[in-house]
């Protein structure tokens, strides 16, 4: 094979490798993002939870929507000193019958909770959830909680967060 033939062959191979990297990179970038907590889609809420006794930031309630699947997803994610230590946590995600925001109610037509038992906390190191509901045309309501134990004071405190503005379930993110 001539020197010119080898250069053309190498250039063609380099061009094909470059093209496959560009196409592969574009495909990877267009896939829905997946958070470390297992939720996919775009984060639409990142609500801080503060300890009710000391005012310390203990966790976030993160809510996601994936337009490619119509799924909403939620997780309660520990932060600060509590991240990586065993603690009680929960997350609740409700699909509302409402299709427009309603500050007075959310009629539950399907919900997921982690842990599944109402009124309980599960033992988690990093996050509770993810929980997912299919809700492309309906509003949702999300709520999370974390129980923090302070060894230096032998105090157990709680932090809560939700998508509501006042009391009760409220339909949002329709």
Protein backbone atom coordinates (compact mmCIF):
# COMPACT_ATOMS: atom_id res chain seq x y z
CA UNK A 1 0.00 0.00 0.00
CA UNK A 2 1.36 3.43 -0.89
CA UNK A 3 2.12 6.13 1.67
CA UNK A 4 -0.80 8.17 0.32
CA UNK A 5 -3.16 5.19 0.74
CA UNK A 6 -2.08 4.73 4.39
CA UNK A 7 -2.64 8.44 5.17
CA UNK A 8 -6.10 8.37 3.58
CA UNK A 9 -6.98 5.21 5.50
CA UNK A 10 -5.76 6.74 8.85
CA UNK A 11 -7.66 9.99 8.15
CA UNK A 12 -10.83 8.07 7.34
CA UNK A 13 -10.49 5.98 10.51
CA UNK A 14 -9.88 9.10 12.63
CA UNK A 15 -12.92 10.79 11.08
CA UNK A 16 -15.13 7.73 11.76
CA UNK A 17 -13.94 7.53 15.40
CA UNK A 18 -14.58 11.24 15.89
CA UNK A 19 -18.05 10.96 14.37
CA UNK A 20 -18.95 7.98 16.55
CA UNK A 21 -17.81 9.84 19.68
CA UNK A 22 -19.86 12.89 18.76
CA UNK A 23 -22.98 10.84 17.98
CA UNK A 24 -22.50 8.69 21.10
CA UNK A 25 -21.94 11.77 23.26
CA UNK A 26 -25.07 13.45 21.88
CA UNK A 27 -27.15 10.37 22.59
CA UNK A 28 -25.84 10.15 26.16
CA UNK A 29 -26.52 13.83 26.79
CA UNK A 30 -30.10 13.65 25.53
CA UNK A 31 -31.11 10.86 27.94
CA UNK A 32 -33.05 11.98 31.04
CA UNK A 33 -30.81 12.86 33.95
CA UNK A 34 -30.83 10.52 36.92
CA UNK A 35 -30.19 11.92 40.38
CA UNK A 36 -28.13 10.11 43.00
CA UNK A 37 -31.41 9.38 44.82
CA UNK A 38 -32.77 7.32 41.92
CA UNK A 39 -35.19 9.90 40.46
CA UNK A 40 -34.99 10.82 36.79
CA UNK A 41 -36.10 13.92 34.94
CA UNK A 42 -35.81 17.57 35.92
CA UNK A 43 -35.83 18.65 39.53
CA UNK A 44 -38.84 20.95 40.07
CA UNK A 45 -38.60 21.35 43.87
CA UNK A 46 -35.66 21.45 46.28
CA UNK A 47 -37.27 22.34 49.62
CA UNK A 48 -35.03 22.61 52.69
CA UNK A 49 -35.98 20.93 55.99
CA UNK A 50 -34.83 22.60 59.18
CA UNK A 51 -34.65 20.98 62.58
CA UNK A 52 -37.63 22.15 64.66
CA UNK A 53 -35.53 22.62 67.82
CA UNK A 54 -32.14 23.92 66.66
CA UNK A 55 -32.95 25.34 63.22
CA UNK A 56 -30.23 23.24 61.57
CA UNK A 57 -30.61 22.26 57.91
CA UNK A 58 -31.09 18.47 58.02
CA UNK A 59 -32.47 17.43 54.61
CA UNK A 60 -34.16 18.44 51.38
CA UNK A 61 -37.41 17.29 49.83
CA UNK A 62 -36.55 16.86 46.15
CA UNK A 63 -39.32 16.50 43.56
CA UNK A 64 -38.73 15.64 39.89
CA UNK A 65 -40.77 15.46 36.71
CA UNK A 66 -39.76 13.35 33.71
CA UNK A 67 -41.64 14.63 30.66
CA UNK A 68 -40.55 11.62 28.58
CA UNK A 69 -42.37 9.20 30.90
CA UNK A 70 -45.00 11.39 32.62
CA UNK A 71 -43.63 10.34 36.01
CA UNK A 72 -43.16 12.48 39.08
CA UNK A 73 -40.61 11.29 41.62
CA UNK A 74 -39.73 12.39 45.15
CA UNK A 75 -37.07 11.68 47.76
CA UNK A 76 -36.13 13.04 51.18
CA UNK A 77 -32.36 13.54 51.03
CA UNK A 78 -30.27 13.98 54.19
CA UNK A 79 -27.62 16.67 54.26
CA UNK A 80 -24.92 18.00 56.57
CA UNK A 81 -23.84 15.97 59.59
CA UNK A 82 -26.78 13.58 59.13
CA UNK A 83 -25.72 12.48 55.64
CA UNK A 84 -24.42 8.92 55.89
CA UNK A 85 -25.65 8.25 59.43
CA UNK A 86 -28.63 6.05 60.22
CA UNK A 87 -31.78 8.06 60.92
CA UNK A 88 -35.55 7.90 60.55
CA UNK A 89 -36.87 9.35 57.30
CA UNK A 90 -39.93 9.17 55.04
CA UNK A 91 -41.24 10.56 51.76
CA UNK A 92 -44.80 10.72 50.39
CA UNK A 93 -45.91 11.53 46.83
CA UNK A 94 -49.61 11.91 46.01
CA UNK A 95 -51.30 12.07 42.60
CA UNK A 96 -54.23 14.51 42.91
CA UNK A 97 -57.46 14.36 40.93
CA UNK A 98 -57.05 18.10 40.25
CA UNK A 99 -55.59 19.20 36.93
CA UNK A 100 -55.07 22.83 37.96
CA UNK A 101 -53.34 24.10 41.12
CA UNK A 102 -55.61 24.12 44.18
CA UNK A 103 -54.45 25.75 47.41
CA UNK A 104 -57.28 24.19 49.39
CA UNK A 105 -57.12 20.50 48.54
CA UNK A 106 -55.59 17.55 46.74
CA UNK A 107 -57.94 14.62 46.26
CA UNK A 108 -55.71 11.55 46.48
CA UNK A 109 -56.18 9.20 43.51
CA UNK A 110 -52.90 7.36 43.94
CA UNK A 111 -49.91 7.69 46.22
CA UNK A 112 -46.57 6.14 47.08
CA UNK A 113 -44.75 6.34 50.40
CA UNK A 114 -41.37 5.13 51.63
CA UNK A 115 -41.61 3.42 54.01
CA UNK A 116 -45.01 2.11 52.95
CA UNK A 117 -46.62 2.23 56.42
CA UNK A 118 -48.36 5.52 57.15
CA UNK A 119 -47.11 7.42 60.18
CA UNK A 120 -43.77 5.61 60.38
CA UNK A 121 -40.17 6.47 59.66
CA UNK A 122 -37.81 4.07 57.91
CA UNK A 123 -34.15 3.76 58.81
CA UNK A 124 -31.98 5.25 56.07
CA UNK A 125 -28.42 6.52 55.73
CA UNK A 126 -28.79 8.90 52.76
CA UNK A 127 -32.36 9.24 51.50
CA UNK A 128 -35.91 7.93 51.74
CA UNK A 129 -37.37 7.02 48.39
CA UNK A 130 -37.46 7.33 45.55
CA UNK A 131 -41.22 7.10 45.16
CA UNK A 132 -42.82 7.58 41.74
CA UNK A 133 -46.35 8.27 40.51
CA UNK A 134 -47.49 8.50 36.90
CA UNK A 135 -49.09 11.94 36.66
CA UNK A 136 -48.62 13.63 33.27
CA UNK A 137 -51.86 15.65 33.47
CA UNK A 138 -52.65 15.77 37.17
CA UNK A 139 -51.33 17.81 40.05
CA UNK A 140 -49.21 16.29 42.80
CA UNK A 141 -48.52 16.79 46.49
CA UNK A 142 -45.21 15.79 48.10
CA UNK A 143 -44.10 15.61 51.73
CA UNK A 144 -40.99 14.42 53.52
CA UNK A 145 -39.67 14.14 57.04
CA UNK A 146 -36.49 13.30 58.91
CA UNK A 147 -35.82 12.44 62.53
CA UNK A 148 -32.50 13.64 63.89
CA UNK A 149 -30.82 12.42 67.06
CA UNK A 150 -28.29 14.71 68.75
CA UNK A 151 -25.97 12.54 70.87
CA UNK A 152 -24.44 15.50 72.72
CA UNK A 153 -27.84 16.49 74.12
CA UNK A 154 -29.68 13.14 73.90
CA UNK A 155 -32.37 15.01 71.95
CA UNK A 156 -34.46 13.54 69.13
CA UNK A 157 -35.97 16.20 66.86
CA UNK A 158 -37.95 16.26 63.62
CA UNK A 159 -37.92 18.24 60.39
CA UNK A 160 -40.69 18.34 57.78
CA UNK A 161 -41.20 19.82 54.33
CA UNK A 162 -43.93 19.71 51.71
CA UNK A 163 -45.14 21.36 48.54
CA UNK A 164 -48.07 22.92 50.43
CA UNK A 165 -48.35 26.62 51.25
CA UNK A 166 -50.52 26.17 54.34
CA UNK A 167 -52.14 23.18 56.08
CA UNK A 168 -53.51 20.10 54.35
CA UNK A 169 -52.73 18.52 51.01
CA UNK A 170 -52.56 21.05 48.20
CA UNK A 171 -52.47 20.32 44.49
CA UNK A 172 -49.40 21.74 42.74
CA UNK A 173 -47.13 21.09 39.74
CA UNK A 174 -49.97 20.30 37.35
